Amino acid sequence: MLATGNNTPYCLAKGGMRMLTRTAALELAPHGITVVNVGPGAVATPINDATMKDPELMAKLDAAIPLGRMARPEEVASVVAFLASDDASYITATTIFADGGIMQSSPGL
């Protein structure tokens, strides 16, 4: 979750989802229910078409991501599938960032 200028509603919604995840996890834990939020970074989907069609914007974005590229949708889906499996039964009240490391920097995009 990066704070970005001129994007208050989006940033507010993201922060709200993180708190909803934490609160719901606390409330549902006594029932054996886990709650985890997934925070994807830039993903090659139609929401990013304009960026993907602009070589300059793509180069700037890729440079801001430590892994150097956008995620493929199936990479985020794999994280969600893991979290829905019994292998993730002890993970709750947190956000998993599948973002190629972009949260570790402040690129000012």
N, C-alpha and C. Protein backbone atom coordinates (compact mmCIF):
# COMPACT_ATOMS: atom_id res chain seq x y z
N MET A 1 0.83 -1.16 0.00
CA MET A 1 0.00 0.00 0.00
C MET A 1 0.88 1.24 0.00
N LEU A 2 1.01 1.87 -1.11
CA LEU A 2 1.79 3.09 -1.19
C LEU A 2 0.87 4.28 -1.15
N ALA A 3 1.23 5.28 -0.38
CA ALA A 3 0.46 6.52 -0.39
C ALA A 3 0.82 7.27 -1.66
N THR A 4 -0.16 7.65 -2.42
CA THR A 4 0.08 8.39 -3.65
C THR A 4 -0.80 9.63 -3.67
N GLY A 5 -0.26 10.72 -4.16
CA GLY A 5 -1.01 11.96 -4.23
C GLY A 5 -2.18 11.86 -5.20
N ASN A 6 -3.20 12.66 -4.95
CA ASN A 6 -4.38 12.74 -5.81
C ASN A 6 -5.09 11.40 -5.95
N ASN A 7 -5.00 10.56 -4.93
CA ASN A 7 -5.59 9.24 -4.99
C ASN A 7 -6.19 8.86 -3.63
N THR A 8 -6.73 9.86 -2.92
CA THR A 8 -7.21 9.67 -1.56
C THR A 8 -8.25 8.56 -1.43
N PRO A 9 -9.31 8.52 -2.25
CA PRO A 9 -10.31 7.46 -2.06
C PRO A 9 -9.72 6.05 -2.19
N TYR A 10 -8.85 5.86 -3.17
CA TYR A 10 -8.23 4.55 -3.38
C TYR A 10 -7.37 4.17 -2.17
N CYS A 11 -6.53 5.09 -1.71
CA CYS A 11 -5.65 4.82 -0.58
C CYS A 11 -6.46 4.57 0.69
N LEU A 12 -7.53 5.33 0.88
CA LEU A 12 -8.39 5.15 2.04
C LEU A 12 -9.04 3.76 2.02
N ALA A 13 -9.49 3.34 0.87
CA ALA A 13 -10.11 2.01 0.74
C ALA A 13 -9.10 0.91 1.05
N LYS A 14 -7.87 1.06 0.57
CA LYS A 14 -6.83 0.05 0.84
C LYS A 14 -6.54 -0.05 2.33
N GLY A 15 -6.40 1.10 2.99
CA GLY A 15 -6.16 1.10 4.43
C GLY A 15 -7.33 0.51 5.20
N GLY A 16 -8.53 0.81 4.76
CA GLY A 16 -9.72 0.25 5.39
C GLY A 16 -9.78 -1.26 5.27
N MET A 17 -9.38 -1.78 4.13
CA MET A 17 -9.37 -3.23 3.93
C MET A 17 -8.37 -3.90 4.86
N ARG A 18 -7.24 -3.27 5.08
CA ARG A 18 -6.26 -3.86 6.01
C ARG A 18 -6.81 -3.93 7.42
N MET A 19 -7.48 -2.86 7.86
CA MET A 19 -8.06 -2.87 9.21
C MET A 19 -9.25 -3.82 9.30
N LEU A 20 -10.06 -3.90 8.25
CA LEU A 20 -11.16 -4.86 8.24
C LEU A 20 -10.63 -6.27 8.37
N THR A 21 -9.56 -6.58 7.67
CA THR A 21 -8.94 -7.91 7.75
C THR A 21 -8.51 -8.23 9.17
N ARG A 22 -7.82 -7.30 9.80
CA ARG A 22 -7.32 -7.54 11.15
C ARG A 22 -8.46 -7.69 12.15
N THR A 23 -9.47 -6.82 12.05
CA THR A 23 -10.59 -6.86 12.99
C THR A 23 -11.43 -8.11 12.79
N ALA A 24 -11.75 -8.42 11.54
CA ALA A 24 -12.56 -9.62 11.26
C ALA A 24 -11.83 -10.88 11.72
N ALA A 25 -10.51 -10.91 11.55
CA ALA A 25 -9.74 -12.08 11.98
C ALA A 25 -9.84 -12.27 13.49
N LEU A 26 -9.77 -11.19 14.24
CA LEU A 26 -9.89 -11.29 15.70
C LEU A 26 -11.28 -11.77 16.10
N GLU A 27 -12.30 -11.25 15.43
CA GLU A 27 -13.67 -11.62 15.77
C GLU A 27 -14.01 -13.05 15.37
N LEU A 28 -13.41 -13.54 14.29
CA LEU A 28 -13.75 -14.87 13.78
C LEU A 28 -12.82 -15.98 14.25
N ALA A 29 -11.69 -15.62 14.83
CA ALA A 29 -10.73 -16.64 15.30
C ALA A 29 -11.35 -17.65 16.26
N PRO A 30 -12.20 -17.24 17.20
CA PRO A 30 -12.80 -18.23 18.11
C PRO A 30 -13.64 -19.29 17.39
N HIS A 31 -14.01 -19.01 16.16
CA HIS A 31 -14.80 -19.95 15.37
C HIS A 31 -13.93 -20.76 14.41
N GLY A 32 -12.61 -20.60 14.52
CA GLY A 32 -11.69 -21.33 13.66
C GLY A 32 -11.60 -20.79 12.25
N ILE A 33 -12.04 -19.55 12.07
CA ILE A 33 -12.03 -18.92 10.74
C ILE A 33 -10.84 -17.97 10.64
N THR A 34 -10.06 -18.12 9.60
CA THR A 34 -8.93 -17.23 9.35
C THR A 34 -9.31 -16.20 8.29
N VAL A 35 -8.69 -15.03 8.41
CA VAL A 35 -8.95 -13.94 7.46
C VAL A 35 -7.62 -13.34 7.04
N VAL A 36 -7.36 -13.36 5.74
CA VAL A 36 -6.12 -12.81 5.21
C VAL A 36 -6.45 -11.95 4.00
N ASN A 37 -5.82 -10.81 3.92
CA ASN A 37 -5.97 -9.89 2.80
C ASN A 37 -4.78 -10.10 1.86
N VAL A 38 -5.01 -10.00 0.58
CA VAL A 38 -3.93 -10.07 -0.40
C VAL A 38 -3.78 -8.69 -1.03
N GLY A 39 -2.57 -8.17 -0.99
CA GLY A 39 -2.27 -6.87 -1.58
C GLY A 39 -1.39 -7.06 -2.81
N PRO A 40 -2.01 -7.17 -3.97
CA PRO A 40 -1.19 -7.32 -5.17
C PRO A 40 -0.57 -5.98 -5.56
N GLY A 41 0.57 -6.06 -6.17
CA GLY A 41 1.18 -4.86 -6.74
C GLY A 41 0.63 -4.67 -8.15
N ALA A 42 1.44 -4.20 -9.04
CA ALA A 42 1.03 -4.02 -10.43
C ALA A 42 0.88 -5.40 -11.08
N VAL A 43 -0.28 -5.63 -11.67
CA VAL A 43 -0.57 -6.91 -12.31
C VAL A 43 -0.97 -6.65 -13.76
N ALA A 44 -0.51 -7.49 -14.64
CA ALA A 44 -0.82 -7.34 -16.07
C ALA A 44 -2.28 -7.73 -16.33
N THR A 45 -3.16 -6.78 -16.06
CA THR A 45 -4.60 -6.95 -16.29
C THR A 45 -5.12 -5.68 -17.00
N PRO A 46 -6.35 -5.70 -17.45
CA PRO A 46 -6.88 -4.53 -18.17
C PRO A 46 -6.80 -3.21 -17.41
N ILE A 47 -6.78 -3.25 -16.08
CA ILE A 47 -6.69 -1.99 -15.33
C ILE A 47 -5.37 -1.27 -15.63
N ASN A 48 -4.37 -2.00 -16.07
CA ASN A 48 -3.06 -1.43 -16.37
C ASN A 48 -2.78 -1.32 -17.87
N ASP A 49 -3.82 -1.42 -18.70
CA ASP A 49 -3.62 -1.35 -20.15
C ASP A 49 -2.88 -0.09 -20.60
N ALA A 50 -3.29 1.06 -20.07
CA ALA A 50 -2.65 2.31 -20.51
C ALA A 50 -1.15 2.29 -20.21
N THR A 51 -0.79 1.81 -19.04
CA THR A 51 0.63 1.73 -18.67
C THR A 51 1.35 0.73 -19.56
N MET A 52 0.74 -0.44 -19.78
CA MET A 52 1.39 -1.48 -20.58
C MET A 52 1.58 -1.07 -22.04
N LYS A 53 0.76 -0.15 -22.53
CA LYS A 53 0.86 0.30 -23.92
C LYS A 53 1.85 1.45 -24.09
N ASP A 54 2.35 1.99 -22.98
CA ASP A 54 3.27 3.12 -23.03
C ASP A 54 4.66 2.66 -22.57
N PRO A 55 5.60 2.50 -23.51
CA PRO A 55 6.93 1.99 -23.15
C PRO A 55 7.63 2.81 -22.06
N GLU A 56 7.43 4.13 -22.07
CA GLU A 56 8.06 4.97 -21.05
C GLU A 56 7.50 4.69 -19.67
N LEU A 57 6.16 4.60 -19.59
CA LEU A 57 5.53 4.30 -18.31
C LEU A 57 5.90 2.89 -17.82
N MET A 58 5.95 1.94 -18.74
CA MET A 58 6.33 0.57 -18.36
C MET A 58 7.75 0.52 -17.83
N ALA A 59 8.65 1.23 -18.47
CA ALA A 59 10.04 1.26 -18.01
C ALA A 59 10.13 1.86 -16.62
N LYS A 60 9.39 2.93 -16.37
CA LYS A 60 9.39 3.58 -15.05
C LYS A 60 8.82 2.63 -13.99
N LEU A 61 7.72 1.97 -14.32
CA LEU A 61 7.11 1.03 -13.38
C LEU A 61 8.03 -0.15 -13.12
N ASP A 62 8.54 -0.76 -14.16
CA ASP A 62 9.44 -1.91 -14.00
C ASP A 62 10.66 -1.55 -13.16
N ALA A 63 11.16 -0.34 -13.33
CA ALA A 63 12.33 0.10 -12.55
C ALA A 63 11.98 0.28 -11.08
N ALA A 64 10.72 0.55 -10.77
CA ALA A 64 10.29 0.75 -9.39
C ALA A 64 10.03 -0.57 -8.66
N ILE A 65 9.89 -1.65 -9.40
CA ILE A 65 9.60 -2.96 -8.81
C ILE A 65 10.92 -3.72 -8.68
N PRO A 66 11.31 -4.08 -7.45
CA PRO A 66 12.59 -4.78 -7.28
C PRO A 66 12.75 -6.02 -8.17
N LEU A 67 11.67 -6.77 -8.42
CA LEU A 67 11.78 -7.91 -9.32
C LEU A 67 11.77 -7.50 -10.79
N GLY A 68 11.55 -6.21 -11.07
CA GLY A 68 11.72 -5.67 -12.42
C GLY A 68 10.59 -5.90 -13.40
N ARG A 69 9.42 -6.31 -12.92
CA ARG A 69 8.31 -6.56 -13.85
C ARG A 69 6.99 -6.61 -13.11
N MET A 70 5.91 -6.47 -13.88
CA MET A 70 4.56 -6.67 -13.34
C MET A 70 4.33 -8.14 -13.06
N ALA A 71 3.37 -8.40 -12.18
CA ALA A 71 2.97 -9.78 -11.92
C ALA A 71 2.06 -10.27 -13.03
N ARG A 72 2.09 -11.57 -13.25
CA ARG A 72 1.09 -12.21 -14.09
C ARG A 72 -0.10 -12.55 -13.20
N PRO A 73 -1.32 -12.48 -13.69
CA PRO A 73 -2.49 -12.77 -12.85
C PRO A 73 -2.39 -14.12 -12.13
N GLU A 74 -1.84 -15.12 -12.78
CA GLU A 74 -1.75 -16.44 -12.16
C GLU A 74 -0.79 -16.46 -10.96
N GLU A 75 0.14 -15.51 -10.90
CA GLU A 75 1.03 -15.45 -9.74
C GLU A 75 0.27 -15.00 -8.50
N VAL A 76 -0.63 -14.06 -8.66
CA VAL A 76 -1.46 -13.62 -7.54
C VAL A 76 -2.46 -14.72 -7.19
N ALA A 77 -3.02 -15.36 -8.21
CA ALA A 77 -3.96 -16.46 -7.97
C ALA A 77 -3.32 -17.58 -7.18
N SER A 78 -2.05 -17.86 -7.41
CA SER A 78 -1.35 -18.90 -6.67
C SER A 78 -1.24 -18.57 -5.18
N VAL A 79 -1.04 -17.30 -4.88
CA VAL A 79 -0.99 -16.87 -3.47
C VAL A 79 -2.35 -17.10 -2.83
N VAL A 80 -3.40 -16.70 -3.53
CA VAL A 80 -4.77 -16.88 -3.00
C VAL A 80 -5.07 -18.37 -2.81
N ALA A 81 -4.69 -19.20 -3.75
CA ALA A 81 -4.93 -20.65 -3.64
C ALA A 81 -4.20 -21.21 -2.42
N PHE A 82 -2.97 -20.78 -2.20
CA PHE A 82 -2.23 -21.22 -1.01
C PHE A 82 -2.98 -20.81 0.25
N LEU A 83 -3.40 -19.55 0.31
CA LEU A 83 -4.08 -19.05 1.52
C LEU A 83 -5.40 -19.77 1.77
N ALA A 84 -6.02 -20.28 0.73
CA ALA A 84 -7.28 -21.02 0.88
C ALA A 84 -7.04 -22.49 1.24
N SER A 85 -5.79 -22.90 1.23
CA SER A 85 -5.47 -24.30 1.51
C SER A 85 -5.21 -24.53 2.99
N ASP A 86 -5.20 -25.80 3.38
CA ASP A 86 -4.88 -26.16 4.76
C ASP A 86 -3.45 -25.80 5.14
N ASP A 87 -2.58 -25.65 4.15
CA ASP A 87 -1.19 -25.28 4.43
C ASP A 87 -1.06 -23.89 5.04
N ALA A 88 -2.09 -23.07 4.91
CA ALA A 88 -2.07 -21.71 5.45
C ALA A 88 -2.96 -21.59 6.69
N SER A 89 -3.23 -22.69 7.35
CA SER A 89 -4.21 -22.71 8.44
C SER A 89 -3.82 -21.88 9.66
N TYR A 90 -2.56 -21.47 9.77
CA TYR A 90 -2.13 -20.67 10.92
C TYR A 90 -1.83 -19.23 10.54
N ILE A 91 -2.25 -18.82 9.37
CA ILE A 91 -2.06 -17.44 8.92
C ILE A 91 -3.39 -16.71 9.04
N THR A 92 -3.40 -15.63 9.79
CA THR A 92 -4.61 -14.84 9.94
C THR A 92 -4.26 -13.41 10.37
N ALA A 93 -5.20 -12.50 10.19
CA ALA A 93 -5.08 -11.11 10.66
C ALA A 93 -3.92 -10.35 10.01
N THR A 94 -3.64 -10.65 8.77
CA THR A 94 -2.52 -9.98 8.11
C THR A 94 -2.81 -9.75 6.63
N THR A 95 -1.95 -8.98 6.02
CA THR A 95 -2.01 -8.76 4.58
C THR A 95 -0.75 -9.35 3.96
N ILE A 96 -0.93 -10.16 2.94
CA ILE A 96 0.19 -10.73 2.20
C ILE A 96 0.35 -9.89 0.93
N PHE A 97 1.51 -9.29 0.77
CA PHE A 97 1.76 -8.47 -0.41
C PHE A 97 2.46 -9.28 -1.48
N ALA A 98 1.78 -9.51 -2.57
CA ALA A 98 2.34 -10.19 -3.75
C ALA A 98 2.63 -9.08 -4.75
N ASP A 99 3.73 -8.38 -4.52
CA ASP A 99 3.96 -7.13 -5.25
C ASP A 99 5.35 -6.98 -5.85
N GLY A 100 6.10 -8.07 -5.89
CA GLY A 100 7.44 -7.99 -6.45
C GLY A 100 8.41 -7.12 -5.66
N GLY A 101 8.01 -6.76 -4.43
CA GLY A 101 8.88 -5.97 -3.57
C GLY A 101 8.64 -4.47 -3.62
N ILE A 102 7.65 -4.02 -4.38
CA ILE A 102 7.45 -2.57 -4.55
C ILE A 102 7.14 -1.86 -3.24
N MET A 103 6.55 -2.57 -2.27
CA MET A 103 6.24 -1.94 -0.99
C MET A 103 7.49 -1.58 -0.21
N GLN A 104 8.62 -2.11 -0.60
CA GLN A 104 9.86 -1.84 0.13
C GLN A 104 10.52 -0.53 -0.31
N SER A 105 9.92 0.13 -1.26
CA SER A 105 10.48 1.40 -1.71
C SER A 105 9.36 2.40 -1.89
N SER A 106 9.70 3.61 -2.13
CA SER A 106 8.71 4.66 -2.38
C SER A 106 9.04 5.29 -3.73
N PRO A 107 8.54 4.68 -4.82
CA PRO A 107 8.95 5.12 -6.14
C PRO A 107 8.35 6.45 -6.59
N GLY A 108 7.34 6.93 -5.89
CA GLY A 108 6.73 8.19 -6.29
C GLY A 108 6.03 8.12 -7.63
N LEU A 109 5.45 6.96 -7.93
CA LEU A 109 4.74 6.78 -9.20
C LEU A 109 3.47 7.59 -9.23
